[in-house]
Amino acid sequence: MQIDVARGLATPESPEAAALLAHLSAETKAAIADIRRLVYDLRPPALDQLGLAGALREYAAGQSGAAGGTRITVDAPESLPPLPAAVEVAAYRIVQEAVANCLRHAGAATCRIVLRVDGGLRVEVIDDGRGLPSVVTSGVGLPSMRERAAELGGACRVDTLPGGGTQVIATFPLPETAHP
């Protein structure tokens, strides 16, 4: 903001100063946007504000508008026990990737996100689309989902359902204090 004030104070006799201040203002705004993006990438603020279930409900609502007709729902308890921050982030990112894959590739009418805590956290993303192709091209999405779960001692698998559609299941072990 001070750069913008200085831009207003620059005199017409010093166009170089005004140009430099305009450049600095643009660079500062870009740096602030990058910092916000990095912070969001580390831990989405919605997790702190709403918890995992609430953050996923908010995410699903936002994606449903841009989903090209795919109805996205969340089936989760109203409240979850306190979860480790790393588990929340990994579960959230896995759901994001699974939903993005569904919207990009599945041609699904519905996509359902399911959260359960029973000895651990279980996250499922189930769609009624065309399922996985017989040959899955190598992208970063599927391996990154598996890696996120494995880093926390969990697992993630992706299957084509018998009647069509895809199911992503990620499981995470939880400390005893997180069990209901």
N, C-alpha and C. Protein backbone atom coordinates (compact mmCIF):
# COMPACT_ATOMS: atom_id res chain seq x y z
N MET A 1 0.83 -1.19 0.00
CA MET A 1 0.00 0.00 0.00
C MET A 1 0.87 1.25 0.00
N GLN A 2 2.00 1.17 0.70
CA GLN A 2 2.88 2.35 0.72
C GLN A 2 3.49 2.61 -0.65
N ILE A 3 3.73 1.55 -1.40
CA ILE A 3 4.24 1.74 -2.76
C ILE A 3 3.20 2.48 -3.59
N ASP A 4 1.93 2.11 -3.44
CA ASP A 4 0.88 2.79 -4.19
C ASP A 4 0.75 4.25 -3.76
N VAL A 5 0.96 4.54 -2.48
CA VAL A 5 0.96 5.93 -2.01
C VAL A 5 2.13 6.68 -2.65
N ALA A 6 3.30 6.05 -2.68
CA ALA A 6 4.47 6.70 -3.29
C ALA A 6 4.24 6.93 -4.78
N ARG A 7 3.54 6.01 -5.44
CA ARG A 7 3.21 6.21 -6.87
C ARG A 7 2.38 7.47 -7.05
N GLY A 8 1.44 7.70 -6.11
CA GLY A 8 0.61 8.89 -6.18
C GLY A 8 1.39 10.16 -5.93
N LEU A 9 2.49 10.06 -5.18
CA LEU A 9 3.31 11.22 -4.86
C LEU A 9 4.34 11.52 -5.94
N ALA A 10 4.59 10.53 -6.80
CA ALA A 10 5.60 10.74 -7.85
C ALA A 10 5.15 11.88 -8.76
N THR A 11 6.08 12.71 -9.12
CA THR A 11 5.76 13.88 -9.94
C THR A 11 5.85 13.54 -11.42
N PRO A 12 5.12 14.29 -12.23
CA PRO A 12 5.19 14.06 -13.68
C PRO A 12 6.60 14.27 -14.22
N GLU A 13 7.43 15.00 -13.49
CA GLU A 13 8.80 15.24 -13.95
C GLU A 13 9.70 14.01 -13.74
N SER A 14 9.19 13.01 -13.03
CA SER A 14 10.01 11.81 -12.79
C SER A 14 9.25 10.55 -13.25
N PRO A 15 9.08 10.39 -14.56
CA PRO A 15 8.36 9.22 -15.06
C PRO A 15 9.09 7.91 -14.75
N GLU A 16 10.41 7.96 -14.62
CA GLU A 16 11.16 6.74 -14.30
C GLU A 16 10.79 6.27 -12.90
N ALA A 17 10.65 7.19 -11.95
CA ALA A 17 10.27 6.82 -10.59
C ALA A 17 8.87 6.22 -10.57
N ALA A 18 7.96 6.84 -11.30
CA ALA A 18 6.59 6.33 -11.36
C ALA A 18 6.57 4.93 -11.97
N ALA A 19 7.34 4.71 -13.03
CA ALA A 19 7.40 3.40 -13.67
C ALA A 19 8.00 2.36 -12.72
N LEU A 20 9.06 2.74 -12.01
CA LEU A 20 9.69 1.82 -11.05
C LEU A 20 8.71 1.47 -9.94
N LEU A 21 8.00 2.46 -9.42
CA LEU A 21 7.04 2.18 -8.36
C LEU A 21 5.89 1.31 -8.86
N ALA A 22 5.45 1.52 -10.09
CA ALA A 22 4.41 0.67 -10.65
C ALA A 22 4.90 -0.76 -10.78
N HIS A 23 6.14 -0.93 -11.21
CA HIS A 23 6.72 -2.27 -11.32
C HIS A 23 6.83 -2.92 -9.93
N LEU A 24 7.31 -2.17 -8.95
CA LEU A 24 7.44 -2.70 -7.58
C LEU A 24 6.08 -3.08 -7.01
N SER A 25 5.07 -2.28 -7.30
CA SER A 25 3.72 -2.59 -6.83
C SER A 25 3.23 -3.90 -7.42
N ALA A 26 3.42 -4.08 -8.71
CA ALA A 26 2.99 -5.31 -9.38
C ALA A 26 3.76 -6.51 -8.84
N GLU A 27 5.06 -6.36 -8.64
CA GLU A 27 5.88 -7.45 -8.11
C GLU A 27 5.46 -7.82 -6.69
N THR A 28 5.15 -6.82 -5.87
CA THR A 28 4.72 -7.07 -4.49
C THR A 28 3.39 -7.81 -4.47
N LYS A 29 2.45 -7.39 -5.31
CA LYS A 29 1.15 -8.07 -5.37
C LYS A 29 1.32 -9.52 -5.83
N ALA A 30 2.21 -9.75 -6.78
CA ALA A 30 2.46 -11.11 -7.25
C ALA A 30 3.08 -11.96 -6.15
N ALA A 31 4.01 -11.37 -5.40
CA ALA A 31 4.65 -12.11 -4.30
C ALA A 31 3.64 -12.47 -3.22
N ILE A 32 2.75 -11.54 -2.90
CA ILE A 32 1.72 -11.81 -1.90
C ILE A 32 0.80 -12.93 -2.38
N ALA A 33 0.42 -12.92 -3.64
CA ALA A 33 -0.42 -13.99 -4.20
C ALA A 33 0.31 -15.33 -4.13
N ASP A 34 1.61 -15.34 -4.42
CA ASP A 34 2.39 -16.59 -4.34
C ASP A 34 2.44 -17.11 -2.91
N ILE A 35 2.64 -16.22 -1.96
CA ILE A 35 2.71 -16.63 -0.55
C ILE A 35 1.37 -17.21 -0.12
N ARG A 36 0.28 -16.56 -0.49
CA ARG A 36 -1.05 -17.09 -0.14
C ARG A 36 -1.26 -18.46 -0.75
N ARG A 37 -0.86 -18.64 -2.00
CA ARG A 37 -1.00 -19.93 -2.67
C ARG A 37 -0.17 -21.01 -1.96
N LEU A 38 1.06 -20.67 -1.58
CA LEU A 38 1.92 -21.63 -0.88
C LEU A 38 1.34 -22.03 0.46
N VAL A 39 0.83 -21.05 1.20
CA VAL A 39 0.24 -21.34 2.50
C VAL A 39 -0.99 -22.23 2.32
N TYR A 40 -1.82 -21.93 1.33
CA TYR A 40 -2.99 -22.75 1.07
C TYR A 40 -2.58 -24.16 0.68
N ASP A 41 -1.52 -24.29 -0.12
CA ASP A 41 -1.05 -25.61 -0.52
C ASP A 41 -0.56 -26.43 0.67
N LEU A 42 -0.01 -25.76 1.67
CA LEU A 42 0.46 -26.47 2.85
C LEU A 42 -0.70 -27.01 3.67
N ARG A 43 -1.66 -26.15 3.96
CA ARG A 43 -2.83 -26.56 4.74
C ARG A 43 -3.98 -25.63 4.39
N PRO A 44 -4.98 -26.16 3.72
CA PRO A 44 -6.11 -25.32 3.36
C PRO A 44 -6.75 -24.69 4.61
N PRO A 45 -6.99 -23.40 4.61
CA PRO A 45 -7.58 -22.74 5.78
C PRO A 45 -8.93 -23.34 6.18
N ALA A 46 -9.67 -23.89 5.24
CA ALA A 46 -10.97 -24.47 5.56
C ALA A 46 -10.84 -25.62 6.57
N LEU A 47 -9.72 -26.32 6.58
CA LEU A 47 -9.54 -27.40 7.56
C LEU A 47 -9.52 -26.85 8.98
N ASP A 48 -8.86 -25.72 9.18
CA ASP A 48 -8.82 -25.11 10.51
C ASP A 48 -10.17 -24.51 10.89
N GLN A 49 -10.85 -23.95 9.91
CA GLN A 49 -12.12 -23.28 10.19
C GLN A 49 -13.28 -24.26 10.34
N LEU A 50 -13.30 -25.32 9.53
CA LEU A 50 -14.48 -26.18 9.45
C LEU A 50 -14.22 -27.64 9.84
N GLY A 51 -12.96 -28.02 10.00
CA GLY A 51 -12.64 -29.43 10.21
C GLY A 51 -12.70 -30.17 8.88
N LEU A 52 -12.28 -31.42 8.88
CA LEU A 52 -12.19 -32.18 7.63
C LEU A 52 -13.56 -32.35 6.96
N ALA A 53 -14.56 -32.77 7.71
CA ALA A 53 -15.88 -33.00 7.10
C ALA A 53 -16.45 -31.70 6.54
N GLY A 54 -16.37 -30.63 7.30
CA GLY A 54 -16.89 -29.34 6.83
C GLY A 54 -16.13 -28.82 5.62
N ALA A 55 -14.80 -28.97 5.65
CA ALA A 55 -13.98 -28.50 4.52
C ALA A 55 -14.33 -29.28 3.26
N LEU A 56 -14.58 -30.59 3.40
CA LEU A 56 -14.94 -31.39 2.23
C LEU A 56 -16.34 -31.04 1.73
N ARG A 57 -17.25 -30.73 2.65
CA ARG A 57 -18.58 -30.28 2.22
C ARG A 57 -18.48 -28.97 1.43
N GLU A 58 -17.66 -28.05 1.94
CA GLU A 58 -17.47 -26.78 1.25
C GLU A 58 -16.83 -27.00 -0.13
N TYR A 59 -15.81 -27.86 -0.17
CA TYR A 59 -15.15 -28.17 -1.43
C TYR A 59 -16.14 -28.78 -2.43
N ALA A 60 -16.93 -29.75 -1.96
CA ALA A 60 -17.89 -30.42 -2.85
C ALA A 60 -18.92 -29.42 -3.38
N ALA A 61 -19.38 -28.53 -2.53
CA ALA A 61 -20.36 -27.52 -2.96
C ALA A 61 -19.74 -26.63 -4.04
N GLY A 62 -18.49 -26.25 -3.87
CA GLY A 62 -17.81 -25.41 -4.85
C GLY A 62 -17.58 -26.13 -6.16
N GLN A 63 -17.31 -27.41 -6.11
CA GLN A 63 -17.05 -28.18 -7.33
C GLN A 63 -18.35 -28.52 -8.06
N SER A 64 -19.43 -28.69 -7.33
CA SER A 64 -20.69 -29.06 -7.96
C SER A 64 -21.14 -28.02 -8.98
N GLY A 65 -20.87 -26.76 -8.72
CA GLY A 65 -21.24 -25.71 -9.66
C GLY A 65 -20.47 -25.81 -10.96
N ALA A 66 -19.24 -26.30 -10.89
CA ALA A 66 -18.39 -26.38 -12.08
C ALA A 66 -18.26 -27.82 -12.58
N ALA A 67 -19.14 -28.69 -12.11
CA ALA A 67 -18.96 -30.12 -12.36
C ALA A 67 -19.59 -30.60 -13.66
N GLY A 68 -20.14 -29.72 -14.46
CA GLY A 68 -20.72 -30.16 -15.72
C GLY A 68 -21.83 -31.17 -15.53
N GLY A 69 -22.63 -31.01 -14.49
CA GLY A 69 -23.75 -31.91 -14.27
C GLY A 69 -23.48 -33.01 -13.27
N THR A 70 -22.25 -33.20 -12.84
CA THR A 70 -21.95 -34.23 -11.85
C THR A 70 -22.40 -33.73 -10.47
N ARG A 71 -23.22 -34.52 -9.81
CA ARG A 71 -23.69 -34.18 -8.46
C ARG A 71 -22.70 -34.75 -7.45
N ILE A 72 -22.11 -33.89 -6.63
CA ILE A 72 -21.11 -34.31 -5.65
C ILE A 72 -21.73 -34.19 -4.26
N THR A 73 -21.68 -35.27 -3.50
CA THR A 73 -22.23 -35.28 -2.15
C THR A 73 -21.17 -35.76 -1.16
N VAL A 74 -21.39 -35.42 0.09
CA VAL A 74 -20.49 -35.85 1.16
C VAL A 74 -21.32 -36.59 2.21
N ASP A 75 -20.90 -37.80 2.52
CA ASP A 75 -21.52 -38.62 3.55
C ASP A 75 -20.49 -38.74 4.68
N ALA A 76 -20.72 -37.97 5.74
CA ALA A 76 -19.77 -37.95 6.86
C ALA A 76 -20.53 -37.66 8.14
N PRO A 77 -20.00 -38.14 9.26
CA PRO A 77 -20.63 -37.78 10.53
C PRO A 77 -20.61 -36.26 10.72
N GLU A 78 -21.55 -35.75 11.49
CA GLU A 78 -21.57 -34.30 11.75
C GLU A 78 -20.27 -33.83 12.36
N SER A 79 -19.71 -34.65 13.24
CA SER A 79 -18.41 -34.29 13.82
C SER A 79 -17.51 -35.51 13.84
N LEU A 80 -16.26 -35.25 13.60
CA LEU A 80 -15.24 -36.30 13.66
C LEU A 80 -14.41 -36.07 14.91
N PRO A 81 -13.78 -37.11 15.42
CA PRO A 81 -12.87 -36.90 16.54
C PRO A 81 -11.69 -36.05 16.07
N PRO A 82 -10.95 -35.47 17.01
CA PRO A 82 -9.76 -34.72 16.58
C PRO A 82 -8.81 -35.63 15.79
N LEU A 83 -8.42 -35.14 14.62
CA LEU A 83 -7.55 -35.92 13.74
C LEU A 83 -6.19 -35.23 13.66
N PRO A 84 -5.12 -35.99 13.50
CA PRO A 84 -3.81 -35.37 13.28
C PRO A 84 -3.86 -34.47 12.05
N ALA A 85 -3.20 -33.34 12.12
CA ALA A 85 -3.21 -32.36 11.03
C ALA A 85 -2.74 -32.98 9.72
N ALA A 86 -1.71 -33.80 9.78
CA ALA A 86 -1.18 -34.41 8.55
C ALA A 86 -2.20 -35.34 7.91
N VAL A 87 -2.98 -36.04 8.71
CA VAL A 87 -4.01 -36.94 8.18
C VAL A 87 -5.11 -36.12 7.52
N GLU A 88 -5.52 -35.02 8.16
CA GLU A 88 -6.54 -34.16 7.56
C GLU A 88 -6.11 -33.64 6.19
N VAL A 89 -4.87 -33.15 6.13
CA VAL A 89 -4.37 -32.60 4.86
C VAL A 89 -4.30 -33.69 3.79
N ALA A 90 -3.75 -34.85 4.15
CA ALA A 90 -3.62 -35.94 3.17
C ALA A 90 -4.99 -36.39 2.69
N ALA A 91 -5.94 -36.56 3.60
CA ALA A 91 -7.28 -36.99 3.21
C ALA A 91 -7.94 -35.95 2.30
N TYR A 92 -7.81 -34.68 2.65
CA TYR A 92 -8.38 -33.60 1.85
C TYR A 92 -7.79 -33.59 0.44
N ARG A 93 -6.47 -33.69 0.35
CA ARG A 93 -5.81 -33.66 -0.96
C ARG A 93 -6.15 -34.90 -1.80
N ILE A 94 -6.28 -36.05 -1.17
CA ILE A 94 -6.66 -37.26 -1.91
C ILE A 94 -8.07 -37.10 -2.47
N VAL A 95 -8.97 -36.56 -1.66
CA VAL A 95 -10.33 -36.33 -2.15
C VAL A 95 -10.31 -35.33 -3.31
N GLN A 96 -9.55 -34.26 -3.18
CA GLN A 96 -9.46 -33.28 -4.26
C GLN A 96 -9.01 -33.94 -5.57
N GLU A 97 -7.98 -34.76 -5.49
CA GLU A 97 -7.46 -35.41 -6.69
C GLU A 97 -8.47 -36.40 -7.26
N ALA A 98 -9.11 -37.17 -6.38
CA ALA A 98 -10.08 -38.16 -6.86
C ALA A 98 -11.29 -37.47 -7.51
N VAL A 99 -11.76 -36.38 -6.90
CA VAL A 99 -12.89 -35.65 -7.48
C VAL A 99 -12.47 -35.01 -8.80
N ALA A 100 -11.28 -34.43 -8.84
CA ALA A 100 -10.79 -33.82 -10.09
C ALA A 100 -10.72 -34.87 -11.19
N ASN A 101 -10.22 -36.07 -10.88
CA ASN A 101 -10.17 -37.14 -11.87
C ASN A 101 -11.57 -37.53 -12.34
N CYS A 102 -12.49 -37.60 -11.40
CA CYS A 102 -13.88 -37.92 -11.74
C CYS A 102 -14.45 -36.88 -12.70
N LEU A 103 -14.25 -35.61 -12.38
CA LEU A 103 -14.81 -34.54 -13.21
C LEU A 103 -14.15 -34.49 -14.58
N ARG A 104 -12.85 -34.77 -14.64
CA ARG A 104 -12.12 -34.71 -15.91
C ARG A 104 -12.36 -35.90 -16.81
N HIS A 105 -12.46 -37.09 -16.21
CA HIS A 105 -12.38 -38.30 -17.01
C HIS A 105 -13.59 -39.23 -16.95
N ALA A 106 -14.39 -39.18 -15.90
CA ALA A 106 -15.37 -40.25 -15.67
C ALA A 106 -16.69 -40.08 -16.42
N GLY A 107 -17.08 -38.86 -16.72
CA GLY A 107 -18.41 -38.67 -17.30
C GLY A 107 -19.49 -39.14 -16.34
N ALA A 108 -19.29 -38.92 -15.06
CA ALA A 108 -20.19 -39.43 -14.02
C ALA A 108 -21.37 -38.50 -13.78
N ALA A 109 -22.49 -39.10 -13.41
CA ALA A 109 -23.66 -38.31 -12.99
C ALA A 109 -23.53 -37.96 -11.51
N THR A 110 -22.94 -38.88 -10.72
CA THR A 110 -22.78 -38.64 -9.29
C THR A 110 -21.37 -38.99 -8.84
N CYS A 111 -20.96 -38.31 -7.80
CA CYS A 111 -19.68 -38.58 -7.14
C CYS A 111 -19.94 -38.41 -5.64
N ARG A 112 -19.65 -39.45 -4.88
CA ARG A 112 -19.94 -39.42 -3.44
C ARG A 112 -18.65 -39.54 -2.65
N ILE A 113 -18.49 -38.65 -1.70
CA ILE A 113 -17.34 -38.65 -0.79
C ILE A 113 -17.84 -39.20 0.54
N VAL A 114 -17.17 -40.23 1.05
CA VAL A 114 -17.60 -40.88 2.29
C VAL A 114 -16.43 -40.83 3.29
N LEU A 115 -16.72 -40.38 4.51
CA LEU A 115 -15.74 -40.38 5.59
C LEU A 115 -16.25 -41.26 6.73
N ARG A 116 -15.39 -42.11 7.26
CA ARG A 116 -15.74 -42.95 8.40
C ARG A 116 -14.53 -43.06 9.33
N VAL A 117 -14.82 -43.10 10.62
CA VAL A 117 -13.77 -43.37 11.61
C VAL A 117 -14.17 -44.63 12.34
N ASP A 118 -13.36 -45.66 12.18
CA ASP A 118 -13.62 -46.94 12.84
C ASP A 118 -12.28 -47.65 12.96
N GLY A 119 -11.54 -47.34 14.00
CA GLY A 119 -10.21 -47.90 14.15
C GLY A 119 -9.18 -47.15 13.32
N GLY A 120 -9.60 -46.28 12.46
CA GLY A 120 -8.76 -45.46 11.60
C GLY A 120 -9.68 -44.59 10.77
N LEU A 121 -9.12 -43.74 9.96
CA LEU A 121 -9.92 -42.91 9.07
C LEU A 121 -10.01 -43.60 7.72
N ARG A 122 -11.22 -43.72 7.22
CA ARG A 122 -11.45 -44.29 5.90
C ARG A 122 -12.13 -43.22 5.04
N VAL A 123 -11.53 -42.95 3.88
CA VAL A 123 -12.04 -41.95 2.96
C VAL A 123 -12.31 -42.66 1.64
N GLU A 124 -13.53 -42.48 1.13
CA GLU A 124 -13.88 -43.08 -0.15
C GLU A 124 -14.41 -42.00 -1.08
N VAL A 125 -14.08 -42.12 -2.34
CA VAL A 125 -14.67 -41.29 -3.39
C VAL A 125 -15.17 -42.27 -4.45
N ILE A 126 -16.49 -42.27 -4.64
CA ILE A 126 -17.13 -43.26 -5.50
C ILE A 126 -17.93 -42.52 -6.57
N ASP A 127 -17.69 -42.87 -7.83
CA ASP A 127 -18.48 -42.25 -8.90
C ASP A 127 -19.16 -43.33 -9.73
N ASP A 128 -20.14 -42.90 -10.51
CA ASP A 128 -20.86 -43.84 -11.37
C ASP A 128 -20.50 -43.64 -12.84
N GLY A 129 -19.28 -43.22 -13.07
CA GLY A 129 -18.82 -42.96 -14.44
C GLY A 129 -18.38 -44.21 -15.16
N ARG A 130 -17.49 -44.02 -16.12
CA ARG A 130 -17.09 -45.12 -16.99
C ARG A 130 -16.00 -46.02 -16.41
N GLY A 131 -15.47 -45.71 -15.24
CA GLY A 131 -14.44 -46.55 -14.64
C GLY A 131 -13.07 -46.25 -15.23
N LEU A 132 -12.09 -46.97 -14.76
CA LEU A 132 -10.72 -46.77 -15.25
C LEU A 132 -10.55 -47.38 -16.63
N PRO A 133 -9.77 -46.73 -17.46
CA PRO A 133 -9.49 -47.35 -18.75
C PRO A 133 -8.63 -48.60 -18.55
N SER A 134 -8.62 -49.49 -19.54
CA SER A 134 -7.83 -50.72 -19.41
C SER A 134 -6.36 -50.41 -19.26
N VAL A 135 -5.91 -49.33 -19.88
CA VAL A 135 -4.52 -48.88 -19.72
C VAL A 135 -4.58 -47.46 -19.16
N VAL A 136 -4.07 -47.32 -17.93
CA VAL A 136 -4.07 -46.01 -17.28
C VAL A 136 -2.78 -45.30 -17.65
N THR A 137 -2.92 -44.13 -18.29
CA THR A 137 -1.72 -43.36 -18.63
C THR A 137 -1.10 -42.82 -17.36
N SER A 138 0.19 -42.75 -17.36
CA SER A 138 0.92 -42.36 -16.16
C SER A 138 0.86 -40.85 -15.96
N GLY A 139 0.16 -40.45 -14.94
CA GLY A 139 0.11 -39.06 -14.53
C GLY A 139 0.62 -38.97 -13.11
N VAL A 140 0.49 -37.82 -12.51
CA VAL A 140 0.97 -37.68 -11.14
C VAL A 140 -0.14 -37.91 -10.12
N GLY A 141 -1.41 -37.88 -10.55
CA GLY A 141 -2.53 -37.96 -9.62
C GLY A 141 -2.61 -39.24 -8.83
N LEU A 142 -2.69 -40.38 -9.50
CA LEU A 142 -2.83 -41.65 -8.79
C LEU A 142 -1.63 -41.97 -7.91
N PRO A 143 -0.40 -41.84 -8.43
CA PRO A 143 0.74 -42.09 -7.55
C PRO A 143 0.80 -41.13 -6.36
N SER A 144 0.43 -39.87 -6.55
CA SER A 144 0.50 -38.93 -5.42
C SER A 144 -0.52 -39.28 -4.35
N MET A 145 -1.71 -39.79 -4.73
CA MET A 145 -2.69 -40.21 -3.73
C MET A 145 -2.12 -41.37 -2.90
N ARG A 146 -1.51 -42.32 -3.59
CA ARG A 146 -0.94 -43.48 -2.87
C ARG A 146 0.20 -43.04 -1.96
N GLU A 147 1.04 -42.14 -2.45
CA GLU A 147 2.17 -41.65 -1.64
C GLU A 147 1.69 -40.89 -0.41
N ARG A 148 0.68 -40.06 -0.56
CA ARG A 148 0.16 -39.29 0.59
C ARG A 148 -0.30 -40.22 1.70
N ALA A 149 -1.02 -41.27 1.32
CA ALA A 149 -1.50 -42.21 2.32
C ALA A 149 -0.34 -43.00 2.92
N ALA A 150 0.56 -43.49 2.09
CA ALA A 150 1.67 -44.32 2.56
C ALA A 150 2.59 -43.54 3.51
N GLU A 151 2.78 -42.25 3.26
CA GLU A 151 3.64 -41.43 4.13
C GLU A 151 3.15 -41.43 5.57
N LEU A 152 1.86 -41.68 5.77
CA LEU A 152 1.27 -41.65 7.11
C LEU A 152 0.92 -43.05 7.61
N GLY A 153 1.47 -44.07 6.95
CA GLY A 153 1.22 -45.44 7.37
C GLY A 153 -0.08 -46.01 6.85
N GLY A 154 -0.71 -45.32 5.92
CA GLY A 154 -1.99 -45.75 5.37
C GLY A 154 -1.81 -46.36 4.00
N ALA A 155 -2.93 -46.49 3.31
CA ALA A 155 -2.93 -47.06 1.98
C ALA A 155 -4.01 -46.39 1.15
N CYS A 156 -3.84 -46.45 -0.16
CA CYS A 156 -4.84 -45.91 -1.08
C CYS A 156 -4.90 -46.82 -2.28
N ARG A 157 -6.12 -47.20 -2.64
CA ARG A 157 -6.28 -48.01 -3.84
C ARG A 157 -7.40 -47.42 -4.68
N VAL A 158 -7.31 -47.69 -5.96
CA VAL A 158 -8.28 -47.20 -6.93
C VAL A 158 -8.76 -48.39 -7.73
N ASP A 159 -10.08 -48.58 -7.75
CA ASP A 159 -10.65 -49.74 -8.44
C ASP A 159 -11.79 -49.32 -9.35
N THR A 160 -11.97 -50.08 -10.42
CA THR A 160 -13.17 -49.95 -11.24
C THR A 160 -14.23 -50.83 -10.60
N LEU A 161 -15.42 -50.29 -10.46
CA LEU A 161 -16.51 -51.04 -9.85
C LEU A 161 -17.16 -51.97 -10.87
N PRO A 162 -17.69 -53.12 -10.45
CA PRO A 162 -18.27 -54.08 -11.38
C PRO A 162 -19.37 -53.51 -12.27
N GLY A 163 -20.24 -52.66 -11.75
CA GLY A 163 -21.32 -52.11 -12.56
C GLY A 163 -20.95 -50.82 -13.27
N GLY A 164 -19.70 -50.43 -13.18
CA GLY A 164 -19.23 -49.18 -13.77
C GLY A 164 -18.93 -48.17 -12.68
N GLY A 165 -18.05 -47.29 -12.96
CA GLY A 165 -17.65 -46.29 -11.98
C GLY A 165 -16.30 -46.62 -11.38
N THR A 166 -15.83 -45.70 -10.59
CA THR A 166 -14.52 -45.83 -9.95
C THR A 166 -14.67 -45.60 -8.46
N GLN A 167 -13.87 -46.31 -7.68
CA GLN A 167 -13.86 -46.15 -6.23
C GLN A 167 -12.43 -45.94 -5.78
N VAL A 168 -12.20 -44.85 -5.08
CA VAL A 168 -10.92 -44.57 -4.44
C VAL A 168 -11.13 -44.78 -2.95
N ILE A 169 -10.30 -45.61 -2.34
CA ILE A 169 -10.38 -45.84 -0.90
C ILE A 169 -9.01 -45.55 -0.30
N ALA A 170 -8.99 -44.61 0.63
CA ALA A 170 -7.76 -44.29 1.37
C ALA A 170 -8.03 -44.55 2.85
N THR A 171 -7.10 -45.23 3.49
CA THR A 171 -7.22 -45.50 4.92
C THR A 171 -5.99 -44.97 5.63
N PHE A 172 -6.23 -44.47 6.84
CA PHE A 172 -5.16 -43.90 7.66
C PHE A 172 -5.29 -44.42 9.08
N PRO A 173 -4.19 -44.90 9.64
CA PRO A 173 -4.25 -45.27 11.05
C PRO A 173 -4.34 -44.00 11.90
N LEU A 174 -4.99 -44.11 13.04
CA LEU A 174 -5.13 -42.97 13.94
C LEU A 174 -4.62 -43.32 15.31
N PRO A 175 -4.12 -42.34 16.04
CA PRO A 175 -3.74 -42.59 17.42
C PRO A 175 -4.96 -42.97 18.24
N GLU A 176 -4.79 -43.70 19.30
CA GLU A 176 -5.91 -44.17 20.13
C GLU A 176 -6.81 -43.03 20.57
N THR A 177 -6.28 -41.84 20.78
CA THR A 177 -7.08 -40.72 21.26
C THR A 177 -8.08 -40.23 20.22
N ALA A 178 -7.91 -40.58 18.96
CA ALA A 178 -8.80 -40.12 17.90
C ALA A 178 -9.98 -41.07 17.68
N HIS A 179 -9.98 -42.21 18.31
CA HIS A 179 -11.05 -43.18 18.09
C HIS A 179 -12.27 -42.77 18.90
N PRO A 180 -13.47 -42.93 18.32
CA PRO A 180 -14.69 -42.55 19.04
C PRO A 180 -14.98 -43.48 20.20
